[in-house]
N, C-alpha and C. Protein backbone atom coordinates (compact mmCIF):
# COMPACT_ATOMS: atom_id res chain seq x y z
N MET A 1 -14.33 0.27 5.78
CA MET A 1 -13.79 1.91 5.19
C MET A 1 -14.84 2.95 4.66
N SER A 2 -14.41 3.97 5.24
CA SER A 2 -15.92 4.81 5.02
C SER A 2 -15.92 5.32 3.42
N ASP A 3 -16.97 5.43 3.16
CA ASP A 3 -18.00 5.58 1.57
C ASP A 3 -17.04 7.40 1.33
N ASN A 4 -16.49 7.56 1.92
CA ASN A 4 -15.80 9.04 1.99
C ASN A 4 -14.18 9.02 1.09
N PHE A 5 -14.14 7.87 1.57
CA PHE A 5 -12.27 7.16 1.08
C PHE A 5 -12.30 7.62 -0.40
N ALA A 6 -13.30 6.73 -1.47
CA ALA A 6 -12.89 7.19 -2.86
C ALA A 6 -13.08 8.67 -3.11
N SER A 7 -13.84 8.94 -2.66
CA SER A 7 -14.26 10.57 -3.05
C SER A 7 -13.51 11.27 -2.35
N ALA A 8 -12.71 11.16 -1.69
CA ALA A 8 -11.63 12.37 -1.04
C ALA A 8 -10.53 12.31 -2.29
N PHE A 9 -10.33 11.50 -3.25
CA PHE A 9 -9.09 11.38 -4.08
C PHE A 9 -9.81 11.54 -5.62
N SER A 10 -11.34 11.78 -5.94
CA SER A 10 -11.44 11.63 -6.94
C SER A 10 -11.74 13.02 -7.38
N HIS A 11 -11.09 13.46 -8.86
CA HIS A 11 -11.16 14.77 -9.42
C HIS A 11 -10.79 14.85 -10.89
N GLU A 12 -11.24 15.12 -11.12
CA GLU A 12 -11.38 16.04 -13.02
C GLU A 12 -9.76 16.09 -13.35
N SER A 13 -9.46 15.74 -14.53
CA SER A 13 -7.93 16.08 -14.62
C SER A 13 -8.23 17.83 -14.74
N SER A 14 -6.71 18.35 -14.47
CA SER A 14 -6.21 19.49 -14.68
C SER A 14 -6.02 19.98 -16.21
N ASN A 15 -5.92 21.09 -15.95
CA ASN A 15 -5.32 21.83 -17.47
C ASN A 15 -4.57 21.16 -18.50
N SER A 16 -3.68 20.21 -17.81
CA SER A 16 -2.94 19.39 -18.90
C SER A 16 -3.70 18.43 -19.93
N GLY A 17 -4.73 17.94 -19.82
CA GLY A 17 -5.52 17.18 -20.27
C GLY A 17 -4.98 15.46 -19.86
N ALA A 18 -4.02 15.13 -18.83
CA ALA A 18 -3.94 13.86 -18.78
C ALA A 18 -5.12 13.43 -17.76
N GLU A 19 -4.66 12.28 -17.99
CA GLU A 19 -5.88 11.45 -17.13
C GLU A 19 -4.71 10.69 -16.17
N VAL A 20 -5.03 11.13 -15.09
CA VAL A 20 -3.84 10.10 -14.07
C VAL A 20 -4.86 9.55 -13.09
N SER A 21 -4.83 8.38 -12.91
CA SER A 21 -5.39 7.14 -11.90
C SER A 21 -4.37 6.64 -10.85
N MET A 22 -5.25 6.52 -9.61
CA MET A 22 -3.95 6.34 -8.60
C MET A 22 -4.68 4.97 -8.05
N GLY A 23 -3.90 3.96 -7.71
CA GLY A 23 -4.76 2.81 -6.93
C GLY A 23 -4.34 2.77 -5.52
N PHE A 24 -4.85 2.37 -4.47
CA PHE A 24 -4.48 2.25 -3.11
C PHE A 24 -4.45 0.79 -2.88
N VAL A 25 -3.32 0.75 -1.88
CA VAL A 25 -3.33 -0.81 -1.15
C VAL A 25 -3.02 -0.25 -0.12
N ALA A 26 -3.82 -0.88 1.01
CA ALA A 26 -3.45 -0.64 2.40
C ALA A 26 -3.97 -2.03 3.53
N ALA A 27 -2.68 -1.69 4.34
CA ALA A 27 -2.84 -3.07 5.42
C ALA A 27 -3.37 -1.97 6.78
N PHE A 28 -4.49 -2.80 7.58
CA PHE A 28 -4.87 -2.36 8.71
C PHE A 28 -4.14 -3.29 10.11
N LYS A 29 -4.49 -2.57 11.27
CA LYS A 29 -3.74 -2.51 12.83
C LYS A 29 -4.79 -4.13 12.68
N ASP A 30 -5.80 -4.41 11.81
CA ASP A 30 -6.23 -5.70 12.72
C ASP A 30 -5.92 -6.74 11.86
N TYR A 31 -4.86 -6.66 10.75
CA TYR A 31 -4.50 -7.77 9.59
C TYR A 31 -5.47 -7.53 8.54
N ARG A 32 -6.26 -6.49 8.18
CA ARG A 32 -6.88 -6.58 7.07
C ARG A 32 -5.85 -6.03 5.80
N GLN A 33 -6.16 -6.35 4.60
CA GLN A 33 -4.79 -6.01 3.67
C GLN A 33 -6.69 -5.50 2.59
N ASP A 34 -6.39 -4.47 2.02
CA ASP A 34 -7.59 -3.82 1.03
C ASP A 34 -6.54 -3.35 -0.14
N LYS A 35 -7.41 -3.62 -1.43
CA LYS A 35 -7.19 -2.82 -2.74
C LYS A 35 -8.17 -2.55 -3.02
N TYR A 36 -7.73 -0.98 -3.40
CA TYR A 36 -9.07 -0.26 -3.83
C TYR A 36 -9.08 0.42 -5.09
N GLY A 37 -9.94 0.50 -5.94
CA GLY A 37 -9.58 1.00 -7.05
C GLY A 37 -9.00 1.95 -7.35
N HIS A 38 -9.22 2.49 -8.93
CA HIS A 38 -8.30 3.88 -8.84
C HIS A 38 -9.43 4.76 -8.73
N PHE A 39 -8.54 6.17 -8.78
CA PHE A 39 -9.26 7.38 -8.18
C PHE A 39 -8.65 8.26 -9.26
N THR A 40 -9.37 9.40 -10.11
CA THR A 40 -8.62 10.12 -11.11
C THR A 40 -8.02 10.97 -10.08
N LEU A 41 -6.91 11.90 -10.15
CA LEU A 41 -6.55 12.77 -9.61
C LEU A 41 -6.34 14.21 -10.36
N PRO A 42 -5.88 15.33 -10.16
CA PRO A 42 -5.69 16.14 -11.29
C PRO A 42 -4.11 16.35 -11.97
N ASP A 43 -3.10 15.70 -11.49
CA ASP A 43 -2.17 15.74 -12.13
C ASP A 43 -1.03 14.54 -11.27
N CYS A 44 -0.18 14.06 -11.92
CA CYS A 44 1.07 13.12 -11.64
C CYS A 44 1.87 13.65 -10.26
N LYS A 45 1.96 14.91 -10.57
CA LYS A 45 2.88 15.78 -9.36
C LYS A 45 2.03 15.47 -7.79
N GLN A 46 0.87 15.40 -7.67
CA GLN A 46 0.46 15.67 -6.22
C GLN A 46 1.57 14.85 -5.83
N THR A 47 1.34 15.62 -4.06
CA THR A 47 2.33 15.48 -2.85
C THR A 47 2.29 14.20 -2.47
N TYR A 48 3.17 13.20 -2.38
CA TYR A 48 2.83 12.15 -1.86
C TYR A 48 2.26 12.17 -0.38
N LEU A 49 3.08 12.83 0.40
CA LEU A 49 2.68 13.18 2.24
C LEU A 49 1.44 13.90 2.08
N GLU A 50 0.77 14.67 1.58
CA GLU A 50 -0.78 15.06 1.38
C GLU A 50 -1.64 14.20 1.08
N ILE A 51 -1.00 12.88 0.46
CA ILE A 51 -1.98 11.85 0.35
C ILE A 51 -2.01 11.41 1.24
N PHE A 52 -1.07 10.73 1.82
CA PHE A 52 -1.03 9.96 3.18
C PHE A 52 -1.91 10.49 3.57
N ARG A 53 -1.51 11.73 4.13
CA ARG A 53 -2.00 12.21 5.41
C ARG A 53 -3.77 12.41 5.39
N ARG A 54 -4.20 12.46 4.00
CA ARG A 54 -5.57 12.22 3.97
C ARG A 54 -5.95 10.78 3.99
N ILE A 55 -5.29 10.15 3.64
CA ILE A 55 -5.74 8.59 4.34
C ILE A 55 -6.01 8.30 5.64
N ILE A 56 -4.69 8.68 6.38
CA ILE A 56 -4.68 8.75 7.83
C ILE A 56 -5.93 9.44 8.49
N GLU A 57 -6.36 10.76 7.81
CA GLU A 57 -7.28 11.34 8.66
C GLU A 57 -8.81 10.73 8.33
N ILE A 58 -9.01 9.74 6.93
CA ILE A 58 -9.91 8.96 6.71
C ILE A 58 -10.36 7.92 7.64
N GLU A 59 -9.08 7.04 7.96
CA GLU A 59 -8.98 5.94 8.22
C GLU A 59 -7.87 5.60 8.89
N PRO A 60 -8.07 5.85 10.50
CA PRO A 60 -6.88 6.01 11.05
C PRO A 60 -6.29 4.86 11.56
N THR A 61 -7.08 3.59 11.43
CA THR A 61 -6.36 2.19 11.39
C THR A 61 -5.73 1.76 10.31
N ILE A 62 -5.18 2.39 9.66
CA ILE A 62 -4.08 2.21 8.46
C ILE A 62 -3.04 2.28 8.92
N CYS A 63 -2.01 1.10 8.67
CA CYS A 63 -0.82 1.00 9.30
C CYS A 63 0.45 1.31 8.30
N HIS A 64 0.06 0.84 7.30
CA HIS A 64 0.59 0.50 5.87
C HIS A 64 0.02 0.86 4.82
N ALA A 65 0.56 1.85 3.83
CA ALA A 65 -0.38 2.17 2.52
C ALA A 65 0.43 2.33 1.01
N GLY A 66 0.00 2.09 0.55
CA GLY A 66 1.07 2.24 -0.87
C GLY A 66 0.13 2.33 -2.22
N TYR A 67 0.91 3.02 -3.15
CA TYR A 67 -0.43 3.34 -4.31
C TYR A 67 0.42 3.10 -5.35
N ILE A 68 -0.28 3.11 -6.59
CA ILE A 68 0.35 2.97 -7.96
C ILE A 68 -0.56 4.03 -8.72
N LEU A 69 0.33 4.78 -9.35
CA LEU A 69 -0.22 5.34 -10.71
C LEU A 69 -0.28 4.67 -12.01
N VAL A 70 -1.83 4.93 -12.25
CA VAL A 70 -1.55 3.95 -13.84
C VAL A 70 -2.20 4.98 -14.96
N ASN A 71 -2.56 4.59 -15.89
CA ASN A 71 -3.52 5.01 -17.12
C ASN A 71 -3.30 6.70 -17.48
N ILE A 72 -1.85 7.31 -17.59
CA ILE A 72 -1.92 8.49 -17.79
C ILE A 72 -1.86 8.39 -19.25
N ARG A 73 -3.34 9.42 -19.36
CA ARG A 73 -3.27 9.45 -21.14
C ARG A 73 -3.66 10.52 -21.45
N GLN A 74 -2.59 10.79 -22.52
CA GLN A 74 -3.03 12.61 -23.15
C GLN A 74 -4.11 12.41 -24.34
N PRO A 75 -4.97 13.33 -24.36
CA PRO A 75 -5.38 13.61 -25.52
C PRO A 75 -5.34 12.98 -26.66
N ARG A 76 -5.68 12.02 -27.70
CA ARG A 76 -5.50 11.84 -28.85
C ARG A 76 -4.18 10.89 -28.60
N GLN A 77 -3.63 10.33 -27.80
CA GLN A 77 -2.64 9.46 -27.56
C GLN A 77 -2.74 8.31 -27.12
N ASN A 78 -1.83 7.58 -27.38
CA ASN A 78 -1.87 5.88 -26.73
C ASN A 78 -1.51 6.07 -25.13
N ILE A 79 -2.20 5.34 -24.25
CA ILE A 79 -2.64 4.76 -23.20
C ILE A 79 -0.92 4.78 -22.74
N GLY A 80 -0.10 5.50 -21.88
CA GLY A 80 1.27 4.79 -21.17
C GLY A 80 1.02 4.21 -19.61
N LEU A 81 1.78 3.82 -19.29
CA LEU A 81 1.68 3.39 -17.98
C LEU A 81 3.14 4.25 -17.30
N GLU A 82 2.71 4.24 -15.92
CA GLU A 82 3.65 4.80 -15.03
C GLU A 82 3.61 4.11 -13.35
N SER A 83 4.02 3.19 -13.03
CA SER A 83 3.87 2.88 -11.35
C SER A 83 5.02 3.53 -10.74
N VAL A 84 4.35 4.05 -9.64
CA VAL A 84 5.03 4.70 -8.12
C VAL A 84 4.40 3.37 -6.95
N GLU A 85 5.54 2.91 -7.01
CA GLU A 85 5.25 1.68 -5.56
C GLU A 85 6.54 2.12 -4.72
N TYR A 86 5.84 1.77 -3.15
CA TYR A 86 6.75 2.06 -2.03
C TYR A 86 7.11 0.47 -1.31
N HIS A 87 8.25 0.07 -1.14
CA HIS A 87 8.36 -0.66 -0.64
C HIS A 87 8.15 -0.46 0.90
N LYS A 88 7.72 -1.56 2.27
CA LYS A 88 7.44 -1.44 3.06
C LYS A 88 8.11 -0.51 4.02
N GLU A 89 9.46 -0.48 4.01
CA GLU A 89 10.14 0.27 4.63
C GLU A 89 10.22 1.66 4.33
N GLU A 90 9.75 1.91 2.94
CA GLU A 90 9.91 3.10 2.58
C GLU A 90 8.43 3.74 3.12
N ILE A 91 7.25 2.98 3.15
CA ILE A 91 5.79 3.47 3.42
C ILE A 91 5.83 3.91 5.15
N GLN A 92 6.36 3.13 5.60
CA GLN A 92 6.88 3.17 7.49
C GLN A 92 7.55 4.62 7.20
N ALA A 93 8.37 4.98 6.69
CA ALA A 93 9.34 5.97 6.81
C ALA A 93 8.47 7.60 6.92
N LEU A 94 7.43 7.27 5.63
CA LEU A 94 6.71 8.22 5.03
C LEU A 94 5.46 8.59 6.22
N LEU A 95 4.84 7.12 6.61
CA LEU A 95 4.03 7.25 7.50
C LEU A 95 4.28 7.91 8.74
N ALA A 96 5.48 7.68 9.21
CA ALA A 96 6.26 8.37 10.84
C ALA A 96 6.31 9.57 10.75
N MET A 97 6.78 10.15 9.11
CA MET A 97 6.63 11.54 9.26
C MET A 97 5.38 12.16 9.49
N LEU A 98 4.07 11.43 9.36
CA LEU A 98 3.11 12.12 9.66
C LEU A 98 2.29 11.73 10.89
N ARG A 99 3.21 11.05 11.86
CA ARG A 99 2.29 10.29 12.98
C ARG A 99 1.94 11.73 13.79
N LYS A 100 0.73 11.60 14.27
CA LYS A 100 0.02 12.51 15.11
C LYS A 100 -0.37 11.81 16.41
N PRO A 101 -0.58 12.25 17.71
CA PRO A 101 -1.11 11.50 18.63
C PRO A 101 -2.58 11.15 18.56
N GLY A 102 -2.71 9.99 18.61
CA GLY A 102 -4.22 9.75 18.99
C GLY A 102 -4.39 9.42 17.33
N ILE A 103 -3.82 9.72 16.27
CA ILE A 103 -4.06 9.14 14.69
C ILE A 103 -3.36 7.84 14.48
N LEU A 104 -2.15 8.34 14.43
CA LEU A 104 -1.28 6.98 14.09
C LEU A 104 -0.74 6.44 15.07
N ARG A 105 -1.44 5.21 15.66
CA ARG A 105 -0.77 4.61 16.80
C ARG A 105 0.41 3.37 16.85
N HIS A 106 0.45 3.04 15.47
CA HIS A 106 1.33 1.58 15.01
C HIS A 106 1.82 1.69 13.82
N ILE A 107 3.18 1.58 13.78
CA ILE A 107 3.65 1.46 12.49
C ILE A 107 4.28 -0.01 12.56
């Protein structure tokens, strides 16, 4: 996995003051499965398709990917949790929308 993978999604929190982290789970064509640490996002409304498009650009051997949004923290407030999880069929549908010749060969 490229060292740029984590840095591609690392951002400071936006003007809302919320801290949102995203953790990735990915499966590769050679049957590896990896869980990645959390990357801070500017806000929790980042578009899913742009995130998956960037994942595919960085690591074209990914055939399935999912993510979880965690640790949404407002200043001076308790930590809350929110998860956004896709099942295999939903992830396949998202990735199929992003398929490009020579980039994503297998779903």
